[in-house]
Amino acid sequence: MSEKRKQINYAVACVGEFARKHGLNVKDAFCFLFRYKAIEFLKENYDIEHTLSLDDALDDMLTVCERNGGTLA
């Protein structure tokens, strides 16, 4: 599997788990994560993030969103 495909699969898994954890549908989760730069963060930091637990990665994604003005109500 190519490195790009691994990154895409990882991002898809993270979005799905983020949606589940926060009670969102996958589309809304992706839109939130994209708008508040967590998708970009995952792309730029894949080498490190994919070595962490999924819970740590989800926490990092939420932190990035919050730092960029995103809140989950």
N, C-alpha and C. Protein backbone atom coordinates (compact mmCIF):
# COMPACT_ATOMS: atom_id res chain seq x y z
N MET A 1 0.85 -1.17 0.00
CA MET A 1 0.00 0.00 0.00
C MET A 1 0.90 1.24 0.00
N SER A 2 0.52 2.23 -0.79
CA SER A 2 1.34 3.44 -0.87
C SER A 2 1.22 4.27 0.41
N GLU A 3 2.19 5.11 0.62
CA GLU A 3 2.19 5.98 1.80
C GLU A 3 0.98 6.91 1.79
N LYS A 4 0.62 7.43 0.64
CA LYS A 4 -0.54 8.32 0.52
C LYS A 4 -1.81 7.58 0.92
N ARG A 5 -1.95 6.34 0.47
CA ARG A 5 -3.14 5.53 0.79
C ARG A 5 -3.20 5.28 2.30
N LYS A 6 -2.05 5.04 2.93
CA LYS A 6 -2.02 4.85 4.38
C LYS A 6 -2.49 6.11 5.11
N GLN A 7 -2.05 7.26 4.63
CA GLN A 7 -2.46 8.52 5.25
C GLN A 7 -3.95 8.75 5.09
N ILE A 8 -4.48 8.44 3.92
CA ILE A 8 -5.92 8.60 3.68
C ILE A 8 -6.71 7.66 4.58
N ASN A 9 -6.31 6.41 4.65
CA ASN A 9 -7.00 5.44 5.50
C ASN A 9 -6.96 5.87 6.96
N TYR A 10 -5.83 6.39 7.40
CA TYR A 10 -5.71 6.86 8.78
C TYR A 10 -6.65 8.04 9.03
N ALA A 11 -6.68 8.98 8.11
CA ALA A 11 -7.56 10.15 8.27
C ALA A 11 -9.03 9.72 8.30
N VAL A 12 -9.40 8.79 7.44
CA VAL A 12 -10.78 8.29 7.41
C VAL A 12 -11.13 7.64 8.75
N ALA A 13 -10.22 6.82 9.28
CA ALA A 13 -10.46 6.18 10.57
C ALA A 13 -10.59 7.20 11.68
N CYS A 14 -9.74 8.21 11.66
CA CYS A 14 -9.79 9.25 12.69
C CYS A 14 -11.10 10.04 12.63
N VAL A 15 -11.52 10.39 11.43
CA VAL A 15 -12.78 11.13 11.29
C VAL A 15 -13.94 10.28 11.80
N GLY A 16 -13.97 9.02 11.43
CA GLY A 16 -15.04 8.13 11.88
C GLY A 16 -15.08 7.98 13.39
N GLU A 17 -13.92 7.81 13.99
CA GLU A 17 -13.86 7.67 15.44
C GLU A 17 -14.18 8.99 16.15
N PHE A 18 -13.75 10.10 15.57
CA PHE A 18 -14.08 11.41 16.13
C PHE A 18 -15.60 11.60 16.12
N ALA A 19 -16.23 11.24 15.01
CA ALA A 19 -17.69 11.34 14.89
C ALA A 19 -18.37 10.49 15.97
N ARG A 20 -17.93 9.26 16.10
CA ARG A 20 -18.53 8.35 17.09
C ARG A 20 -18.36 8.89 18.50
N LYS A 21 -17.16 9.33 18.82
CA LYS A 21 -16.84 9.81 20.16
C LYS A 21 -17.66 11.03 20.55
N HIS A 22 -17.94 11.89 19.56
CA HIS A 22 -18.62 13.15 19.86
C HIS A 22 -20.08 13.17 19.41
N GLY A 23 -20.61 12.03 19.03
CA GLY A 23 -22.03 11.92 18.68
C GLY A 23 -22.41 12.68 17.42
N LEU A 24 -21.51 12.71 16.45
CA LEU A 24 -21.76 13.41 15.19
C LEU A 24 -21.89 12.40 14.06
N ASN A 25 -22.51 12.80 12.96
CA ASN A 25 -22.42 11.94 11.79
C ASN A 25 -21.09 12.23 11.12
N VAL A 26 -20.65 11.34 10.27
CA VAL A 26 -19.31 11.43 9.69
C VAL A 26 -19.15 12.70 8.86
N LYS A 27 -20.17 13.07 8.13
CA LYS A 27 -20.08 14.28 7.30
C LYS A 27 -19.87 15.52 8.16
N ASP A 28 -20.65 15.65 9.23
CA ASP A 28 -20.51 16.81 10.11
C ASP A 28 -19.15 16.81 10.81
N ALA A 29 -18.69 15.64 11.19
CA ALA A 29 -17.38 15.55 11.82
C ALA A 29 -16.29 16.00 10.85
N PHE A 30 -16.35 15.52 9.61
CA PHE A 30 -15.35 15.91 8.62
C PHE A 30 -15.39 17.42 8.39
N CYS A 31 -16.57 17.97 8.23
CA CYS A 31 -16.69 19.42 8.00
C CYS A 31 -16.09 20.21 9.15
N PHE A 32 -16.38 19.81 10.38
CA PHE A 32 -15.83 20.47 11.57
C PHE A 32 -14.31 20.36 11.58
N LEU A 33 -13.80 19.16 11.38
CA LEU A 33 -12.36 18.92 11.42
C LEU A 33 -11.63 19.63 10.29
N PHE A 34 -12.25 19.71 9.13
CA PHE A 34 -11.64 20.41 8.00
C PHE A 34 -11.64 21.91 8.25
N ARG A 35 -12.78 22.44 8.68
CA ARG A 35 -12.91 23.89 8.90
C ARG A 35 -11.92 24.40 9.94
N TYR A 36 -11.72 23.61 10.98
CA TYR A 36 -10.87 24.07 12.08
C TYR A 36 -9.47 23.44 12.06
N LYS A 37 -9.06 23.00 10.87
CA LYS A 37 -7.67 22.64 10.56
C LYS A 37 -7.16 21.31 11.12
N ALA A 38 -8.02 20.46 11.66
CA ALA A 38 -7.53 19.17 12.18
C ALA A 38 -7.15 18.21 11.06
N ILE A 39 -7.83 18.28 9.93
CA ILE A 39 -7.47 17.43 8.79
C ILE A 39 -6.09 17.82 8.29
N GLU A 40 -5.85 19.11 8.17
CA GLU A 40 -4.53 19.60 7.77
C GLU A 40 -3.46 19.16 8.78
N PHE A 41 -3.80 19.25 10.06
CA PHE A 41 -2.89 18.81 11.12
C PHE A 41 -2.53 17.33 10.97
N LEU A 42 -3.53 16.49 10.71
CA LEU A 42 -3.27 15.06 10.53
C LEU A 42 -2.36 14.82 9.33
N LYS A 43 -2.62 15.54 8.26
CA LYS A 43 -1.82 15.39 7.06
C LYS A 43 -0.37 15.79 7.31
N GLU A 44 -0.17 16.90 7.98
CA GLU A 44 1.18 17.42 8.22
C GLU A 44 1.93 16.62 9.28
N ASN A 45 1.21 15.98 10.19
CA ASN A 45 1.85 15.29 11.31
C ASN A 45 1.59 13.79 11.32
N TYR A 46 1.29 13.24 10.18
CA TYR A 46 0.99 11.81 10.08
C TYR A 46 2.10 10.95 10.67
N ASP A 47 3.33 11.29 10.36
CA ASP A 47 4.46 10.47 10.82
C ASP A 47 4.47 10.25 12.32
N ILE A 48 4.03 11.25 13.07
CA ILE A 48 3.98 11.15 14.53
C ILE A 48 2.63 10.64 15.00
N GLU A 49 1.57 11.24 14.49
CA GLU A 49 0.22 10.93 14.99
C GLU A 49 -0.15 9.46 14.83
N HIS A 50 0.25 8.83 13.73
CA HIS A 50 -0.18 7.44 13.54
C HIS A 50 0.53 6.47 14.49
N THR A 51 1.55 6.96 15.20
CA THR A 51 2.23 6.11 16.18
C THR A 51 1.58 6.21 17.56
N LEU A 52 0.69 7.18 17.74
CA LEU A 52 0.01 7.38 19.01
C LEU A 52 -1.25 6.52 19.08
N SER A 53 -1.80 6.43 20.27
CA SER A 53 -3.09 5.75 20.39
C SER A 53 -4.14 6.59 19.66
N LEU A 54 -5.21 5.94 19.25
CA LEU A 54 -6.28 6.66 18.57
C LEU A 54 -6.88 7.71 19.50
N ASP A 55 -7.02 7.40 20.77
CA ASP A 55 -7.55 8.39 21.72
C ASP A 55 -6.66 9.62 21.80
N ASP A 56 -5.35 9.42 21.80
CA ASP A 56 -4.43 10.57 21.82
C ASP A 56 -4.58 11.39 20.55
N ALA A 57 -4.69 10.74 19.42
CA ALA A 57 -4.86 11.45 18.15
C ALA A 57 -6.16 12.25 18.14
N LEU A 58 -7.24 11.65 18.65
CA LEU A 58 -8.52 12.35 18.71
C LEU A 58 -8.44 13.56 19.63
N ASP A 59 -7.76 13.41 20.75
CA ASP A 59 -7.57 14.55 21.66
C ASP A 59 -6.76 15.65 20.98
N ASP A 60 -5.72 15.27 20.25
CA ASP A 60 -4.92 16.26 19.52
C ASP A 60 -5.76 16.99 18.49
N MET A 61 -6.60 16.26 17.78
CA MET A 61 -7.46 16.87 16.76
C MET A 61 -8.41 17.87 17.39
N LEU A 62 -9.01 17.52 18.52
CA LEU A 62 -9.92 18.44 19.19
C LEU A 62 -9.17 19.67 19.67
N THR A 63 -7.98 19.50 20.19
CA THR A 63 -7.17 20.64 20.64
C THR A 63 -6.87 21.58 19.49
N VAL A 64 -6.51 21.04 18.34
CA VAL A 64 -6.24 21.85 17.16
C VAL A 64 -7.48 22.64 16.78
N CYS A 65 -8.63 21.98 16.77
CA CYS A 65 -9.88 22.66 16.43
C CYS A 65 -10.18 23.79 17.41
N GLU A 66 -10.04 23.51 18.68
CA GLU A 66 -10.32 24.52 19.69
C GLU A 66 -9.39 25.71 19.55
N ARG A 67 -8.12 25.46 19.25
CA ARG A 67 -7.16 26.55 19.06
C ARG A 67 -7.47 27.39 17.83
N ASN A 68 -8.23 26.81 16.92
CA ASN A 68 -8.62 27.54 15.70
C ASN A 68 -10.07 28.01 15.75
N GLY A 69 -10.65 28.05 16.95
CA GLY A 69 -11.99 28.61 17.13
C GLY A 69 -13.14 27.63 17.11
N GLY A 70 -12.87 26.36 16.97
CA GLY A 70 -13.94 25.37 16.92
C GLY A 70 -14.36 24.91 18.30
N THR A 71 -15.64 24.79 18.50
CA THR A 71 -16.17 24.25 19.76
C THR A 71 -17.28 23.26 19.44
N LEU A 72 -17.37 22.25 20.25
CA LEU A 72 -18.46 21.29 20.14
C LEU A 72 -19.44 21.58 21.25
N ALA A 73 -20.64 21.93 20.87
CA ALA A 73 -21.66 22.27 21.87
C ALA A 73 -22.48 21.10 22.29
